[in-house]
Amino acid sequence: MHIKQTQLPKPTNSYLINKPTPPFPSLSIHRLHYLLQLKAVVCITRNNFSFNSQYPVGAIFVVYQLRQITRPDMFMGNMWRLVLALCVLSSVVVTSSAQTCRNQTFSNRLFATCRDLPQLTAYLHWTYEQASGKLEIAFVHAGISSTNRWVAWAINPRNTLDPAMIGAQALVAIPQSSGSPRVYTSSIASTSTQLEEGAISYPVSGLGATFENNQVTIFATVTLPNDTSSIVHVWQDGPLSGTTPQEHSHETSHQNSKETLDLLSGSSTQASGNSRQRRRNVSIKHQSLLMFSIISYMASHL
């Protein structure tokens, strides 16, 4: 009796037999990986390398997800990882222009010019008629999360940046727990001022204020001397004791919240201390770029 011998099939790699077809057949896995990294670099470059404190952790997570996506044995089943990675990347990269005066609008008010002020998350909108001296402004101060703080914008008629506070003629707003903020004028005679209400040296009309979405906005029309072309202006915020304004912080951002503003061109000359702040910001950007380069290098060698 002859027994037919059946030859067993040779062991094969089931993955090679059932290898999934990549959704991008014209791109190799490695090329797609580097294209994704390039996309991240482009996003960060476009956003001026401005990051929040969560960037290192978020970037490492994104790189890990990209590596998982580009593993051949997991490519088809993990396209959702790409969506998740890009969502995290969007959340950890903070654009320097996320909040800008150009995307701020006001009901029934239009202004000819606006400026992102260099300190304290503040913005100034204005329309100026040099012949009449009428300066219509909207001063916006973001980041005011409670009603126990005061906000002020002022012009110093002496046109001196150092000191800019003494002699300044201020518009003051104090948010209330209900209703519109209390808004009034105050002439600052000394550094120990508590922003007492009183008349200022400029005629003021249309004075009002709002407190919405953690930001205080002061509206007013100030009449300047005829043919004025520039002003020294100051802006601040500080704590309250009951309903009385107290001294503001002496951190660098508060010390440098002043500048000479050309009302016609919109250009400004800032306090000398701001040059140190600009160098610090440049240093942070360079450090962030170096960090991303290191993470990208590590990712390519995982």
C-alpha atoms as a PDB file:
ATOM      1  CA  MET A   1       0.000   0.000   0.000  1.00  0.00           C
ATOM      2  CA  HIS A   2       1.476   3.222  -1.074  1.00  0.00           C
ATOM      3  CA  ILE A   3       0.888   6.187   1.146  1.00  0.00           C
ATOM      4  CA  LYS A   4       1.176   9.514  -0.581  1.00  0.00           C
ATOM      5  CA  GLN A   5       3.340  11.905   1.335  1.00  0.00           C
ATOM      6  CA  THR A   6       1.969  15.390   1.671  1.00  0.00           C
ATOM      7  CA  GLN A   7       4.567  18.105   1.764  1.00  0.00           C
ATOM      8  CA  LEU A   8       3.834  20.644   4.452  1.00  0.00           C
ATOM      9  CA  PRO A   9       3.918  24.253   3.304  1.00  0.00           C
ATOM     10  CA  LYS A  10       6.988  26.194   4.180  1.00  0.00           C
ATOM     11  CA  PRO A  11       6.587  28.699   7.023  1.00  0.00           C
ATOM     12  CA  THR A  12       5.820  32.072   5.659  1.00  0.00           C
ATOM     13  CA  ASN A  13       5.571  35.516   7.108  1.00  0.00           C
ATOM     14  CA  SER A  14       1.845  36.156   7.222  1.00  0.00           C
ATOM     15  CA  TYR A  15       2.502  39.881   7.279  1.00  0.00           C
ATOM     16  CA  LEU A  16       4.338  39.696   3.955  1.00  0.00           C
ATOM     17  CA  ILE A  17       1.485  37.738   2.393  1.00  0.00           C
ATOM     18  CA  ASN A  18      -1.206  40.008   3.787  1.00  0.00           C
ATOM     19  CA  LYS A  19       0.808  43.171   3.679  1.00  0.00           C
ATOM     20  CA  PRO A  20      -1.624  46.072   3.656  1.00  0.00           C
ATOM     21  CA  THR A  21      -1.508  48.552   0.866  1.00  0.00           C
ATOM     22  CA  PRO A  22      -0.509  51.977   2.168  1.00  0.00           C
ATOM     23  CA  PRO A  23      -3.054  54.715   1.490  1.00  0.00           C
ATOM     24  CA  PHE A  24      -0.254  56.717  -0.143  1.00  0.00           C
ATOM     25  CA  PRO A  25       1.210  54.192  -2.621  1.00  0.00           C
ATOM     26  CA  SER A  26       3.535  56.741  -4.206  1.00  0.00           C
ATOM     27  CA  LEU A  27       5.171  57.578  -0.866  1.00  0.00           C
ATOM     28  CA  SER A  28       7.516  55.357   1.045  1.00  0.00           C
ATOM     29  CA  ILE A  29       6.964  54.953   4.760  1.00  0.00           C
ATOM     30  CA  HIS A  30      10.137  56.884   5.587  1.00  0.00           C
ATOM     31  CA  ARG A  31       9.282  59.687   3.193  1.00  0.00           C
ATOM     32  CA  LEU A  32       5.847  60.047   4.743  1.00  0.00           C
ATOM     33  CA  HIS A  33       7.448  60.152   8.183  1.00  0.00           C
ATOM     34  CA  TYR A  34       9.724  62.996   7.218  1.00  0.00           C
ATOM     35  CA  LEU A  35       6.923  64.825   5.433  1.00  0.00           C
ATOM     36  CA  LEU A  36       4.963  64.744   8.677  1.00  0.00           C
ATOM     37  CA  GLN A  37       7.982  66.071  10.545  1.00  0.00           C
ATOM     38  CA  LEU A  38       8.366  68.777   7.910  1.00  0.00           C
ATOM     39  CA  LYS A  39       4.705  69.694   8.393  1.00  0.00           C
ATOM     40  CA  ALA A  40       5.354  70.166  12.104  1.00  0.00           C
ATOM     41  CA  VAL A  41       8.399  72.335  11.395  1.00  0.00           C
ATOM     42  CA  VAL A  42       6.392  74.480   8.969  1.00  0.00           C
ATOM     43  CA  CYS A  43       3.643  74.964  11.560  1.00  0.00           C
ATOM     44  CA  ILE A  44       6.147  75.983  14.204  1.00  0.00           C
ATOM     45  CA  THR A  45       8.008  78.319  11.838  1.00  0.00           C
ATOM     46  CA  ARG A  46       4.754  79.946  10.801  1.00  0.00           C
ATOM     47  CA  ASN A  47       3.913  80.549  14.442  1.00  0.00           C
ATOM     48  CA  ASN A  48       7.251  82.237  15.192  1.00  0.00           C
ATOM     49  CA  PHE A  49       8.441  79.479  17.501  1.00  0.00           C
ATOM     50  CA  SER A  50       6.134  80.604  20.280  1.00  0.00           C
ATOM     51  CA  PHE A  51       5.339  77.813  22.724  1.00  0.00           C
ATOM     52  CA  ASN A  52       3.616  77.312  26.015  1.00  0.00           C
ATOM     53  CA  SER A  53       5.057  75.380  28.948  1.00  0.00           C
ATOM     54  CA  GLN A  54       3.508  72.110  27.722  1.00  0.00           C
ATOM     55  CA  TYR A  55       5.488  72.110  24.473  1.00  0.00           C
ATOM     56  CA  PRO A  56       8.270  69.615  25.410  1.00  0.00           C
ATOM     57  CA  VAL A  57       5.825  66.959  26.655  1.00  0.00           C
ATOM     58  CA  GLY A  58       3.427  67.537  23.787  1.00  0.00           C
ATOM     59  CA  ALA A  59       6.170  67.451  21.162  1.00  0.00           C
ATOM     60  CA  ILE A  60       7.574  64.172  22.493  1.00  0.00           C
ATOM     61  CA  PHE A  61       4.057  62.683  22.424  1.00  0.00           C
ATOM     62  CA  VAL A  62       3.565  63.839  18.830  1.00  0.00           C
ATOM     63  CA  VAL A  63       6.887  62.356  17.726  1.00  0.00           C
ATOM     64  CA  TYR A  64       6.022  59.049  19.427  1.00  0.00           C
ATOM     65  CA  GLN A  65       2.683  58.926  17.650  1.00  0.00           C
ATOM     66  CA  LEU A  66       4.339  59.672  14.306  1.00  0.00           C
ATOM     67  CA  ARG A  67       6.741  56.802  14.836  1.00  0.00           C
ATOM     68  CA  GLN A  68       3.823  54.517  15.651  1.00  0.00           C
ATOM     69  CA  ILE A  69       2.013  55.635  12.508  1.00  0.00           C
ATOM     70  CA  THR A  70       4.987  54.896  10.313  1.00  0.00           C
ATOM     71  CA  ARG A  71       5.577  51.369  11.610  1.00  0.00           C
ATOM     72  CA  PRO A  72       4.748  49.180   8.577  1.00  0.00           C
ATOM     73  CA  ASP A  73       2.968  46.542  10.667  1.00  0.00           C
ATOM     74  CA  MET A  74       0.608  49.117  12.155  1.00  0.00           C
ATOM     75  CA  PHE A  75       0.130  51.580   9.302  1.00  0.00           C
ATOM     76  CA  MET A  76      -3.411  50.801   8.210  1.00  0.00           C
ATOM     77  CA  GLY A  77      -4.833  50.347  11.684  1.00  0.00           C
ATOM     78  CA  ASN A  78      -3.477  53.547  13.139  1.00  0.00           C
ATOM     79  CA  MET A  79      -4.418  56.397  10.857  1.00  0.00           C
ATOM     80  CA  TRP A  80      -6.384  57.822  13.763  1.00  0.00           C
ATOM     81  CA  ARG A  81      -3.034  58.282  15.509  1.00  0.00           C
ATOM     82  CA  LEU A  82      -2.215  60.886  12.878  1.00  0.00           C
ATOM     83  CA  VAL A  83      -5.374  62.805  13.702  1.00  0.00           C
ATOM     84  CA  LEU A  84      -4.604  62.597  17.427  1.00  0.00           C
ATOM     85  CA  ALA A  85      -0.982  63.657  16.933  1.00  0.00           C
ATOM     86  CA  LEU A  86      -1.931  66.657  14.836  1.00  0.00           C
ATOM     87  CA  CYS A  87      -4.562  67.673  17.380  1.00  0.00           C
ATOM     88  CA  VAL A  88      -1.959  67.585  20.156  1.00  0.00           C
ATOM     89  CA  LEU A  89       0.478  69.521  17.981  1.00  0.00           C
ATOM     90  CA  SER A  90      -2.174  72.180  17.415  1.00  0.00           C
ATOM     91  CA  SER A  91      -2.795  72.429  21.152  1.00  0.00           C
ATOM     92  CA  VAL A  92       0.858  72.782  22.179  1.00  0.00           C
ATOM     93  CA  VAL A  93       1.904  75.266  19.495  1.00  0.00           C
ATOM     94  CA  VAL A  94       0.609  78.671  20.509  1.00  0.00           C
ATOM     95  CA  THR A  95       0.684  81.335  17.873  1.00  0.00           C
ATOM     96  CA  SER A  96       2.044  84.726  18.745  1.00  0.00           C
ATOM     97  CA  SER A  97      -0.812  86.293  16.823  1.00  0.00           C
ATOM     98  CA  ALA A  98      -3.639  84.268  18.376  1.00  0.00           C
ATOM     99  CA  GLN A  99      -4.842  87.461  20.028  1.00  0.00           C
ATOM    100  CA  THR A 100      -4.258  90.640  18.079  1.00  0.00           C
ATOM    101  CA  CYS A 101      -5.936  94.018  17.801  1.00  0.00           C
ATOM    102  CA  ARG A 102      -6.776  93.268  14.180  1.00  0.00           C
ATOM    103  CA  ASN A 103      -9.324  90.610  15.107  1.00  0.00           C
ATOM    104  CA  GLN A 104     -10.966  92.686  17.843  1.00  0.00           C
ATOM    105  CA  THR A 105     -14.246  94.380  16.984  1.00  0.00           C
ATOM    106  CA  PHE A 106     -16.607  96.698  18.854  1.00  0.00           C
ATOM    107  CA  SER A 107     -20.332  97.256  18.485  1.00  0.00           C
ATOM    108  CA  ASN A 108     -21.058 100.425  16.525  1.00  0.00           C
ATOM    109  CA  ARG A 109     -17.427 101.568  16.757  1.00  0.00           C
ATOM    110  CA  LEU A 110     -14.744 101.628  14.090  1.00  0.00           C
ATOM    111  CA  PHE A 111     -11.168 102.829  14.568  1.00  0.00           C
ATOM    112  CA  ALA A 112      -8.635 103.894  11.980  1.00  0.00           C
ATOM    113  CA  THR A 113      -5.584 102.303  13.619  1.00  0.00           C
ATOM    114  CA  CYS A 114      -4.747  99.738  16.269  1.00  0.00           C
ATOM    115  CA  ARG A 115      -1.633  98.482  18.004  1.00  0.00           C
ATOM    116  CA  ASP A 116      -0.704  95.379  20.012  1.00  0.00           C
ATOM    117  CA  LEU A 117       0.993  96.896  23.036  1.00  0.00           C
ATOM    118  CA  PRO A 118       4.258  95.187  24.055  1.00  0.00           C
ATOM    119  CA  GLN A 119       3.360  94.467  27.676  1.00  0.00           C
ATOM    120  CA  LEU A 120       0.501  93.157  29.848  1.00  0.00           C
ATOM    121  CA  THR A 121      -1.601  91.658  27.028  1.00  0.00           C
ATOM    122  CA  ALA A 122      -3.000  95.044  26.111  1.00  0.00           C
ATOM    123  CA  TYR A 123      -4.188  96.661  22.875  1.00  0.00           C
ATOM    124  CA  LEU A 124      -4.961 100.197  21.757  1.00  0.00           C
ATOM    125  CA  HIS A 125      -7.376 101.237  19.017  1.00  0.00           C
ATOM    126  CA  TRP A 126      -7.634 104.866  17.980  1.00  0.00           C
ATOM    127  CA  THR A 127      -8.867 107.409  15.479  1.00  0.00           C
ATOM    128  CA  TYR A 128      -7.122 110.769  15.554  1.00  0.00           C
ATOM    129  CA  GLU A 129      -7.967 114.114  13.953  1.00  0.00           C
ATOM    130  CA  GLN A 130      -4.827 116.198  14.257  1.00  0.00           C
ATOM    131  CA  ALA A 131      -6.495 119.475  13.318  1.00  0.00           C
ATOM    132  CA  SER A 132      -9.040 119.278  16.151  1.00  0.00           C
ATOM    133  CA  GLY A 133      -6.902 117.201  18.522  1.00  0.00           C
ATOM    134  CA  LYS A 134      -9.718 114.711  19.059  1.00  0.00           C
ATOM    135  CA  LEU A 135      -8.366 111.256  19.923  1.00  0.00           C
ATOM    136  CA  GLU A 136     -11.001 108.527  20.110  1.00  0.00           C
ATOM    137  CA  ILE A 137      -9.641 105.400  21.781  1.00  0.00           C
ATOM    138  CA  ALA A 138     -10.542 101.905  22.883  1.00  0.00           C
ATOM    139  CA  PHE A 139      -8.007 100.478  25.312  1.00  0.00           C
ATOM    140  CA  VAL A 140      -8.284  96.715  25.787  1.00  0.00           C
ATOM    141  CA  HIS A 141      -6.618  94.828  28.637  1.00  0.00           C
ATOM    142  CA  ALA A 142      -6.996  91.039  28.536  1.00  0.00           C
ATOM    143  CA  GLY A 143      -6.265  88.535  31.298  1.00  0.00           C
ATOM    144  CA  ILE A 144      -8.406  90.212  33.969  1.00  0.00           C
ATOM    145  CA  SER A 145     -10.162  87.190  35.442  1.00  0.00           C
ATOM    146  CA  SER A 146     -11.705  88.732  38.565  1.00  0.00           C
ATOM    147  CA  THR A 147     -13.339  91.931  39.788  1.00  0.00           C
ATOM    148  CA  ASN A 148     -10.695  92.665  42.427  1.00  0.00           C
ATOM    149  CA  ARG A 149      -8.351  94.456  40.016  1.00  0.00           C
ATOM    150  CA  TRP A 150      -8.182  97.895  38.469  1.00  0.00           C
ATOM    151  CA  VAL A 151      -7.105  98.776  34.922  1.00  0.00           C
ATOM    152  CA  ALA A 152      -5.831 102.135  33.700  1.00  0.00           C
ATOM    153  CA  TRP A 153      -4.622 103.851  30.539  1.00  0.00           C
ATOM    154  CA  ALA A 154      -2.991 107.269  30.757  1.00  0.00           C
ATOM    155  CA  ILE A 155      -1.278 110.026  28.787  1.00  0.00           C
ATOM    156  CA  ASN A 156       1.689 111.873  30.256  1.00  0.00           C
ATOM    157  CA  PRO A 157       1.537 115.501  29.062  1.00  0.00           C
ATOM    158  CA  ARG A 158       5.222 116.011  29.930  1.00  0.00           C
ATOM    159  CA  ASN A 159       6.131 113.564  27.112  1.00  0.00           C
ATOM    160  CA  THR A 160       8.800 111.849  29.198  1.00  0.00           C
ATOM    161  CA  LEU A 161       9.243 108.090  29.380  1.00  0.00           C
ATOM    162  CA  ASP A 162      11.287 108.137  32.574  1.00  0.00           C
ATOM    163  CA  PRO A 163       9.361 108.590  34.712  1.00  0.00           C
ATOM    164  CA  ALA A 164       6.170 108.244  32.721  1.00  0.00           C
ATOM    165  CA  MET A 165       3.785 107.626  35.591  1.00  0.00           C
ATOM    166  CA  ILE A 166       4.151 110.866  37.581  1.00  0.00           C
ATOM    167  CA  GLY A 167       1.937 113.516  36.028  1.00  0.00           C
ATOM    168  CA  ALA A 168       0.043 111.031  33.873  1.00  0.00           C
ATOM    169  CA  GLN A 169      -3.628 111.731  33.178  1.00  0.00           C
ATOM    170  CA  ALA A 170      -5.459 108.449  33.561  1.00  0.00           C
ATOM    171  CA  LEU A 171      -8.667 106.727  32.568  1.00  0.00           C
ATOM    172  CA  VAL A 172      -9.433 104.104  35.222  1.00  0.00           C
ATOM    173  CA  ALA A 173     -11.826 101.161  35.111  1.00  0.00           C
ATOM    174  CA  ILE A 174     -12.753  98.854  37.986  1.00  0.00           C
ATOM    175  CA  PRO A 175     -14.832  95.779  37.073  1.00  0.00           C
ATOM    176  CA  GLN A 176     -17.934  95.192  39.190  1.00  0.00           C
ATOM    177  CA  SER A 177     -19.516  91.904  40.201  1.00  0.00           C
ATOM    178  CA  SER A 178     -22.655  93.002  38.378  1.00  0.00           C
ATOM    179  CA  GLY A 179     -23.222  95.655  35.765  1.00  0.00           C
ATOM    180  CA  SER A 180     -20.685  97.747  33.888  1.00  0.00           C
ATOM    181  CA  PRO A 181     -17.288  98.628  35.358  1.00  0.00           C
ATOM    182  CA  ARG A 182     -16.866 101.806  37.322  1.00  0.00           C
ATOM    183  CA  VAL A 183     -14.928 104.174  35.070  1.00  0.00           C
ATOM    184  CA  TYR A 184     -13.528 107.593  35.906  1.00  0.00           C
ATOM    185  CA  THR A 185     -10.559 109.959  35.401  1.00  0.00           C
ATOM    186  CA  SER A 186      -7.592 110.404  37.745  1.00  0.00           C
ATOM    187  CA  SER A 187      -4.543 112.681  37.738  1.00  0.00           C
ATOM    188  CA  ILE A 188      -1.465 110.864  39.059  1.00  0.00           C
ATOM    189  CA  ALA A 189       0.651 113.148  41.228  1.00  0.00           C
ATOM    190  CA  SER A 190       3.007 110.595  42.812  1.00  0.00           C
ATOM    191  CA  THR A 191       4.011 106.932  42.829  1.00  0.00           C
ATOM    192  CA  SER A 192       1.958 106.398  45.987  1.00  0.00           C
ATOM    193  CA  THR A 193      -1.290 107.273  44.228  1.00  0.00           C
ATOM    194  CA  GLN A 194      -4.440 105.298  44.910  1.00  0.00           C
ATOM    195  CA  LEU A 195      -5.969 106.575  41.682  1.00  0.00           C
ATOM    196  CA  GLU A 196      -8.403 108.918  43.370  1.00  0.00           C
ATOM    197  CA  GLU A 197     -11.174 110.158  41.126  1.00  0.00           C
ATOM    198  CA  GLY A 198     -10.711 113.698  39.853  1.00  0.00           C
ATOM    199  CA  ALA A 199     -10.470 115.971  36.845  1.00  0.00           C
ATOM    200  CA  ILE A 200      -7.595 115.646  34.386  1.00  0.00           C
ATOM    201  CA  SER A 201      -5.899 118.191  32.159  1.00  0.00           C
ATOM    202  CA  TYR A 202      -7.537 116.918  28.944  1.00  0.00           C
ATOM    203  CA  PRO A 203     -11.219 117.301  28.058  1.00  0.00           C
ATOM    204  CA  VAL A 204     -12.792 113.824  28.015  1.00  0.00           C
ATOM    205  CA  SER A 205     -16.110 112.738  26.531  1.00  0.00           C
ATOM    206  CA  GLY A 206     -17.846 109.443  25.877  1.00  0.00           C
ATOM    207  CA  LEU A 207     -16.113 107.757  28.809  1.00  0.00           C
ATOM    208  CA  GLY A 208     -17.279 104.183  29.321  1.00  0.00           C
ATOM    209  CA  ALA A 209     -16.027 100.646  29.924  1.00  0.00           C
ATOM    210  CA  THR A 210     -16.962  96.990  29.499  1.00  0.00           C
ATOM    211  CA  PHE A 211     -15.836  93.792  31.211  1.00  0.00           C
ATOM    212  CA  GLU A 212     -16.360  90.689  29.086  1.00  0.00           C
ATOM    213  CA  ASN A 213     -14.461  87.455  28.474  1.00  0.00           C
ATOM    214  CA  ASN A 214     -11.769  88.336  31.042  1.00  0.00           C
ATOM    215  CA  GLN A 215     -10.920  91.608  29.370  1.00  0.00           C
ATOM    216  CA  VAL A 216     -11.578  95.212  30.277  1.00  0.00           C
ATOM    217  CA  THR A 217     -12.146  97.770  27.532  1.00  0.00           C
ATOM    218  CA  ILE A 218     -12.110 101.527  28.170  1.00  0.00           C
ATOM    219  CA  PHE A 219     -13.704 103.848  25.613  1.00  0.00           C
ATOM    220  CA  ALA A 220     -13.198 107.611  25.508  1.00  0.00           C
ATOM    221  CA  THR A 221     -12.566 110.631  23.355  1.00  0.00           C
ATOM    222  CA  VAL A 222      -9.696 112.766  24.632  1.00  0.00           C
ATOM    223  CA  THR A 223      -9.051 116.231  23.199  1.00  0.00           C
ATOM    224  CA  LEU A 224      -5.324 116.911  22.859  1.00  0.00           C
ATOM    225  CA  PRO A 225      -3.641 120.246  22.121  1.00  0.00           C
ATOM    226  CA  ASN A 226      -3.949 121.178  18.449  1.00  0.00           C
ATOM    227  CA  ASP A 227      -1.390 119.668  16.070  1.00  0.00           C
ATOM    228  CA  THR A 228      -0.203 117.069  18.579  1.00  0.00           C
ATOM    229  CA  SER A 229       1.447 114.256  16.626  1.00  0.00           C
ATOM    230  CA  SER A 230       2.686 111.887  19.364  1.00  0.00           C
ATOM    231  CA  ILE A 231       2.008 111.053  23.001  1.00  0.00           C
ATOM    232  CA  VAL A 232       3.681 109.225  25.866  1.00  0.00           C
ATOM    233  CA  HIS A 233       1.128 106.748  27.149  1.00  0.00           C
ATOM    234  CA  VAL A 234       1.142 104.331  30.074  1.00  0.00           C
ATOM    235  CA  TRP A 235      -1.065 101.356  30.894  1.00  0.00           C
ATOM    236  CA  GLN A 236      -1.311  99.331  34.097  1.00  0.00           C
ATOM    237  CA  ASP A 237      -3.368  96.979  36.211  1.00  0.00           C
ATOM    238  CA  GLY A 238      -3.222  96.271  39.911  1.00  0.00           C
ATOM    239  CA  PRO A 239      -5.028  94.897  42.964  1.00  0.00           C
ATOM    240  CA  LEU A 240      -7.804  96.426  45.034  1.00  0.00           C
ATOM    241  CA  SER A 241      -8.198  96.720  48.772  1.00  0.00           C
ATOM    242  CA  GLY A 242     -11.937  96.781  49.097  1.00  0.00           C
ATOM    243  CA  THR A 243     -12.783  99.315  46.387  1.00  0.00           C
ATOM    244  CA  THR A 244      -9.520 101.263  46.589  1.00  0.00           C
ATOM    245  CA  PRO A 245      -6.764 100.729  43.970  1.00  0.00           C
ATOM    246  CA  GLN A 246      -3.426  99.605  45.367  1.00  0.00           C
ATOM    247  CA  GLU A 247       0.110  99.769  43.973  1.00  0.00           C
ATOM    248  CA  HIS A 248       0.735  97.736  40.840  1.00  0.00           C
ATOM    249  CA  SER A 249       3.394  95.033  40.529  1.00  0.00           C
ATOM    250  CA  HIS A 250       6.994  96.028  39.880  1.00  0.00           C
ATOM    251  CA  GLU A 251       7.723  93.132  37.544  1.00  0.00           C
ATOM    252  CA  THR A 252       9.479  93.955  34.266  1.00  0.00           C
ATOM    253  CA  SER A 253       6.251  93.802  32.272  1.00  0.00           C
ATOM    254  CA  HIS A 254       4.719  96.485  34.508  1.00  0.00           C
ATOM    255  CA  GLN A 255       7.838  98.634  34.606  1.00  0.00           C
ATOM    256  CA  ASN A 256       7.980  98.672  30.799  1.00  0.00           C
ATOM    257  CA  SER A 257       4.282  99.240  30.076  1.00  0.00           C
ATOM    258  CA  LYS A 258       4.924 102.658  28.548  1.00  0.00           C
ATOM    259  CA  GLU A 259       5.986 104.048  25.197  1.00  0.00           C
ATOM    260  CA  THR A 260       6.030 107.064  22.934  1.00  0.00           C
ATOM    261  CA  LEU A 261       3.336 106.574  20.305  1.00  0.00           C
ATOM    262  CA  ASP A 262       3.149 108.397  16.979  1.00  0.00           C
ATOM    263  CA  LEU A 263      -0.580 108.877  16.491  1.00  0.00           C
ATOM    264  CA  LEU A 264      -0.200 109.503  12.758  1.00  0.00           C
ATOM    265  CA  SER A 265       2.049 106.619  11.691  1.00  0.00           C
ATOM    266  CA  GLY A 266       1.319 104.155  14.490  1.00  0.00           C
ATOM    267  CA  SER A 267       5.034 103.668  15.202  1.00  0.00           C
ATOM    268  CA  SER A 268       6.365 103.715  18.746  1.00  0.00           C
ATOM    269  CA  THR A 269       9.492 104.133  20.844  1.00  0.00           C
ATOM    270  CA  GLN A 270       9.527 101.856  23.843  1.00  0.00           C
ATOM    271  CA  ALA A 271      11.253 102.071  27.181  1.00  0.00           C
ATOM    272  CA  SER A 272      14.918 101.048  27.104  1.00  0.00           C
ATOM    273  CA  GLY A 273      14.253  98.064  29.338  1.00  0.00           C
ATOM    274  CA  ASN A 274      12.223  96.472  26.571  1.00  0.00           C
ATOM    275  CA  SER A 275      15.410  95.712  24.630  1.00  0.00           C
ATOM    276  CA  ARG A 276      16.302  93.214  27.333  1.00  0.00           C
ATOM    277  CA  GLN A 277      12.841  91.715  27.083  1.00  0.00           C
ATOM    278  CA  ARG A 278      13.167  91.399  23.282  1.00  0.00           C
ATOM    279  CA  ARG A 279      16.556  89.659  23.686  1.00  0.00           C
ATOM    280  CA  ARG A 280      14.963  87.288  26.176  1.00  0.00           C
ATOM    281  CA  ASN A 281      12.122  86.497  23.745  1.00  0.00           C
ATOM    282  CA  VAL A 282      14.634  85.827  20.936  1.00  0.00           C
ATOM    283  CA  SER A 283      16.586  83.532  23.255  1.00  0.00           C
ATOM    284  CA  ILE A 284      13.421  81.571  24.088  1.00  0.00           C
ATOM    285  CA  LYS A 285      12.670  81.151  20.379  1.00  0.00           C
ATOM    286  CA  HIS A 286      16.179  79.875  19.694  1.00  0.00           C
ATOM    287  CA  GLN A 287      15.942  77.434  22.601  1.00  0.00           C
ATOM    288  CA  SER A 288      12.598  76.174  21.319  1.00  0.00           C
ATOM    289  CA  LEU A 289      14.022  75.651  17.822  1.00  0.00           C
ATOM    290  CA  LEU A 290      16.992  73.750  19.280  1.00  0.00           C
ATOM    291  CA  MET A 291      14.642  71.619  21.381  1.00  0.00           C
ATOM    292  CA  PHE A 292      12.538  70.681  18.371  1.00  0.00           C
ATOM    293  CA  SER A 293      15.651  69.832  16.343  1.00  0.00           C
ATOM    294  CA  ILE A 294      16.868  67.511  19.107  1.00  0.00           C
ATOM    295  CA  ILE A 295      13.479  65.812  19.370  1.00  0.00           C
ATOM    296  CA  SER A 296      13.328  65.335  15.594  1.00  0.00           C
ATOM    297  CA  TYR A 297      16.806  63.811  15.597  1.00  0.00           C
ATOM    298  CA  MET A 298      15.833  61.443  18.403  1.00  0.00           C
ATOM    299  CA  ALA A 299      12.680  60.461  16.544  1.00  0.00           C
ATOM    300  CA  SER A 300      14.609  59.541  13.426  1.00  0.00           C
ATOM    301  CA  HIS A 301      16.824  57.222  15.459  1.00  0.00           C
ATOM    302  CA  LEU A 302      14.170  55.466  17.538  1.00  0.00           C
END
